[in-house]
N, C-alpha and C. Protein backbone atom coordinates (compact mmCIF):
# COMPACT_ATOMS: atom_id res chain seq x y z
N MET A 1 0.58 8.56 2.97
CA MET A 1 -0.39 8.56 3.54
C MET A 1 -0.18 9.94 4.65
N LEU A 2 -1.15 11.02 4.50
CA LEU A 2 -0.62 11.91 6.11
C LEU A 2 -1.35 11.59 7.65
N ILE A 3 -0.39 11.61 8.40
CA ILE A 3 -0.82 11.01 9.41
C ILE A 3 -1.04 12.40 10.32
N SER A 4 -0.39 13.53 10.07
CA SER A 4 -0.98 14.45 11.15
C SER A 4 -0.24 15.87 10.44
N LYS A 5 -0.66 16.75 11.33
CA LYS A 5 0.19 18.09 10.82
C LYS A 5 -0.12 18.97 11.49
N TYR A 6 0.57 19.64 11.98
CA TYR A 6 0.96 20.89 12.95
C TYR A 6 1.48 21.79 12.72
N ARG A 7 0.48 23.44 12.96
CA ARG A 7 0.78 24.85 12.65
C ARG A 7 1.68 25.53 13.97
N LYS A 8 2.37 26.46 13.54
CA LYS A 8 2.44 27.53 14.61
C LYS A 8 3.04 28.55 13.76
N SER A 9 2.92 29.67 14.18
CA SER A 9 2.73 30.55 13.54
C SER A 9 3.42 30.35 11.87
N ASN A 10 3.99 30.91 11.44
CA ASN A 10 4.31 30.36 9.94
C ASN A 10 4.95 29.13 9.46
N ARG A 11 4.83 28.57 10.07
CA ARG A 11 5.99 27.04 10.04
C ARG A 11 4.67 26.39 10.12
N ALA A 12 4.91 24.76 9.33
CA ALA A 12 3.90 23.37 9.40
C ALA A 12 5.03 22.66 9.73
N ILE A 13 4.39 21.05 10.16
CA ILE A 13 4.93 19.85 9.84
C ILE A 13 4.14 19.10 9.47
N TYR A 14 4.67 18.34 8.82
CA TYR A 14 3.45 17.19 7.98
C TYR A 14 3.87 15.95 8.29
N THR A 15 3.40 15.13 9.06
CA THR A 15 3.96 13.85 9.03
C THR A 15 3.46 12.82 8.23
N PHE A 16 3.90 12.33 7.37
CA PHE A 16 3.66 11.13 6.58
C PHE A 16 3.89 9.66 6.82
N ARG A 17 2.65 8.31 6.56
CA ARG A 17 3.64 7.38 6.88
C ARG A 17 3.69 6.52 5.82
N ASN A 18 4.52 5.30 5.49
CA ASN A 18 4.97 4.66 4.40
C ASN A 18 4.96 3.43 4.87
N ASP A 19 3.66 2.29 4.41
CA ASP A 19 3.87 1.35 4.88
C ASP A 19 5.43 0.52 4.23
N PHE A 20 5.74 0.42 3.05
CA PHE A 20 6.82 0.03 2.40
C PHE A 20 8.01 -0.12 3.08
N LEU A 21 7.71 1.80 3.59
CA LEU A 21 9.12 1.78 3.94
C LEU A 21 9.35 1.77 5.41
N ARG A 22 8.05 1.57 5.97
CA ARG A 22 8.38 1.01 7.48
C ARG A 22 8.23 -0.80 7.55
N ALA A 23 8.18 -1.55 6.55
CA ALA A 23 8.64 -2.75 6.15
C ALA A 23 10.27 -2.92 5.99
N GLU A 24 10.91 -1.82 5.26
CA GLU A 24 11.49 -2.16 4.73
C GLU A 24 13.10 -1.62 6.00
N GLU A 25 12.54 -0.94 6.59
CA GLU A 25 13.10 -0.31 8.08
C GLU A 25 13.18 -1.13 9.20
N LYS A 26 11.43 -1.58 9.23
CA LYS A 26 11.61 -2.89 10.71
C LYS A 26 12.95 -4.17 9.74
N ARG A 27 12.94 -4.57 8.38
CA ARG A 27 13.88 -5.95 8.21
C ARG A 27 14.93 -5.48 8.42
N ASN A 28 15.46 -4.26 8.10
CA ASN A 28 17.21 -3.60 7.99
C ASN A 28 17.62 -3.81 9.48
N TYR A 29 16.69 -3.63 10.34
CA TYR A 29 16.97 -2.72 11.91
C TYR A 29 16.74 -4.28 12.65
N LEU A 30 16.15 -4.99 12.29
CA LEU A 30 15.99 -6.83 12.92
C LEU A 30 17.71 -6.90 12.78
N ASN A 31 17.82 -7.20 10.91
CA ASN A 31 19.04 -7.58 10.52
C ASN A 31 20.37 -7.44 11.42
N ARG A 32 19.99 -6.43 12.11
CA ARG A 32 21.48 -5.88 13.03
C ARG A 32 21.15 -5.92 14.65
N HIS A 33 19.90 -6.29 14.73
CA HIS A 33 19.54 -5.81 16.11
C HIS A 33 18.58 -7.05 16.52
N ARG A 34 18.49 -7.38 18.33
CA ARG A 34 17.59 -8.08 18.29
C ARG A 34 16.29 -8.22 18.40
N SER A 35 15.64 -6.93 18.99
CA SER A 35 14.45 -6.18 19.41
C SER A 35 14.16 -4.77 18.53
N LEU A 36 12.84 -4.13 18.42
CA LEU A 36 12.83 -3.33 17.72
C LEU A 36 12.61 -2.52 19.12
N GLY A 37 11.82 -2.78 20.18
CA GLY A 37 11.69 -1.87 21.31
C GLY A 37 10.98 -0.58 21.12
N LYS A 38 11.18 0.53 21.01
CA LYS A 38 10.61 2.07 21.24
C LYS A 38 10.15 2.60 19.84
N LEU A 39 11.62 2.22 18.75
CA LEU A 39 11.62 2.19 17.62
C LEU A 39 10.25 1.95 16.65
N LYS A 40 9.67 0.90 16.87
CA LYS A 40 8.56 0.57 16.28
C LYS A 40 7.29 1.12 15.25
N GLU A 41 7.04 2.31 16.46
CA GLU A 41 6.63 3.23 16.36
C GLU A 41 6.58 4.65 15.58
N ARG A 42 8.05 4.37 14.96
CA ARG A 42 8.27 5.76 14.36
C ARG A 42 8.72 5.28 12.58
N MET A 43 9.03 3.75 12.83
CA MET A 43 9.75 3.56 11.51
C MET A 43 8.77 3.75 10.33
N GLY A 44 8.85 3.89 8.86
CA GLY A 44 7.83 4.39 8.29
C GLY A 44 7.51 5.53 8.10
N THR A 45 7.88 6.75 8.92
CA THR A 45 7.56 7.80 9.10
C THR A 45 8.16 8.87 8.27
N ILE A 46 8.03 9.86 7.70
CA ILE A 46 8.65 10.87 7.31
C ILE A 46 7.89 12.49 7.72
N SER A 47 8.41 13.20 8.29
CA SER A 47 8.00 14.22 8.24
C SER A 47 8.90 15.34 8.02
N VAL A 48 7.88 16.20 7.58
CA VAL A 48 8.62 17.81 6.48
C VAL A 48 7.76 19.09 7.68
N THR A 49 8.82 20.31 7.32
CA THR A 49 9.03 21.11 8.26
C THR A 49 9.01 22.15 7.02
N THR A 50 7.62 22.99 7.12
CA THR A 50 7.81 24.12 5.76
C THR A 50 7.64 25.68 6.46
N ASN A 51 7.91 26.15 5.74
CA ASN A 51 7.22 27.56 5.87
C ASN A 51 6.48 28.21 4.60
N LEU A 52 5.98 26.99 3.91
CA LEU A 52 5.41 27.59 2.59
C LEU A 52 3.81 27.40 2.46
N ASN A 53 3.04 28.19 2.27
CA ASN A 53 1.45 28.33 2.32
C ASN A 53 0.83 27.57 1.46
N ALA A 54 1.19 26.06 1.46
CA ALA A 54 0.98 24.91 0.44
C ALA A 54 0.71 24.13 1.34
N THR A 55 -0.53 23.01 0.59
CA THR A 55 -1.61 22.24 1.21
C THR A 55 -0.26 20.81 1.41
N ALA A 56 -0.75 19.86 1.95
CA ALA A 56 0.47 18.92 1.90
C ALA A 56 -0.10 17.84 0.84
N GLU A 57 -0.54 18.19 0.31
CA GLU A 57 -1.38 17.16 -0.62
C GLU A 57 -0.58 17.77 -1.78
């Protein structure tokens, strides 16, 4: 799911959220550490930087 798009000049950053990836990252992280802290908000996100003139879909 696309959650944000940022464009500047000829570059674009698309950020996607993947709930399956988020759950997997959370489980793996908690196996190694005691607390998620501020990382919880970033888990399950994938960002792509491009200079192509194409849509994120």
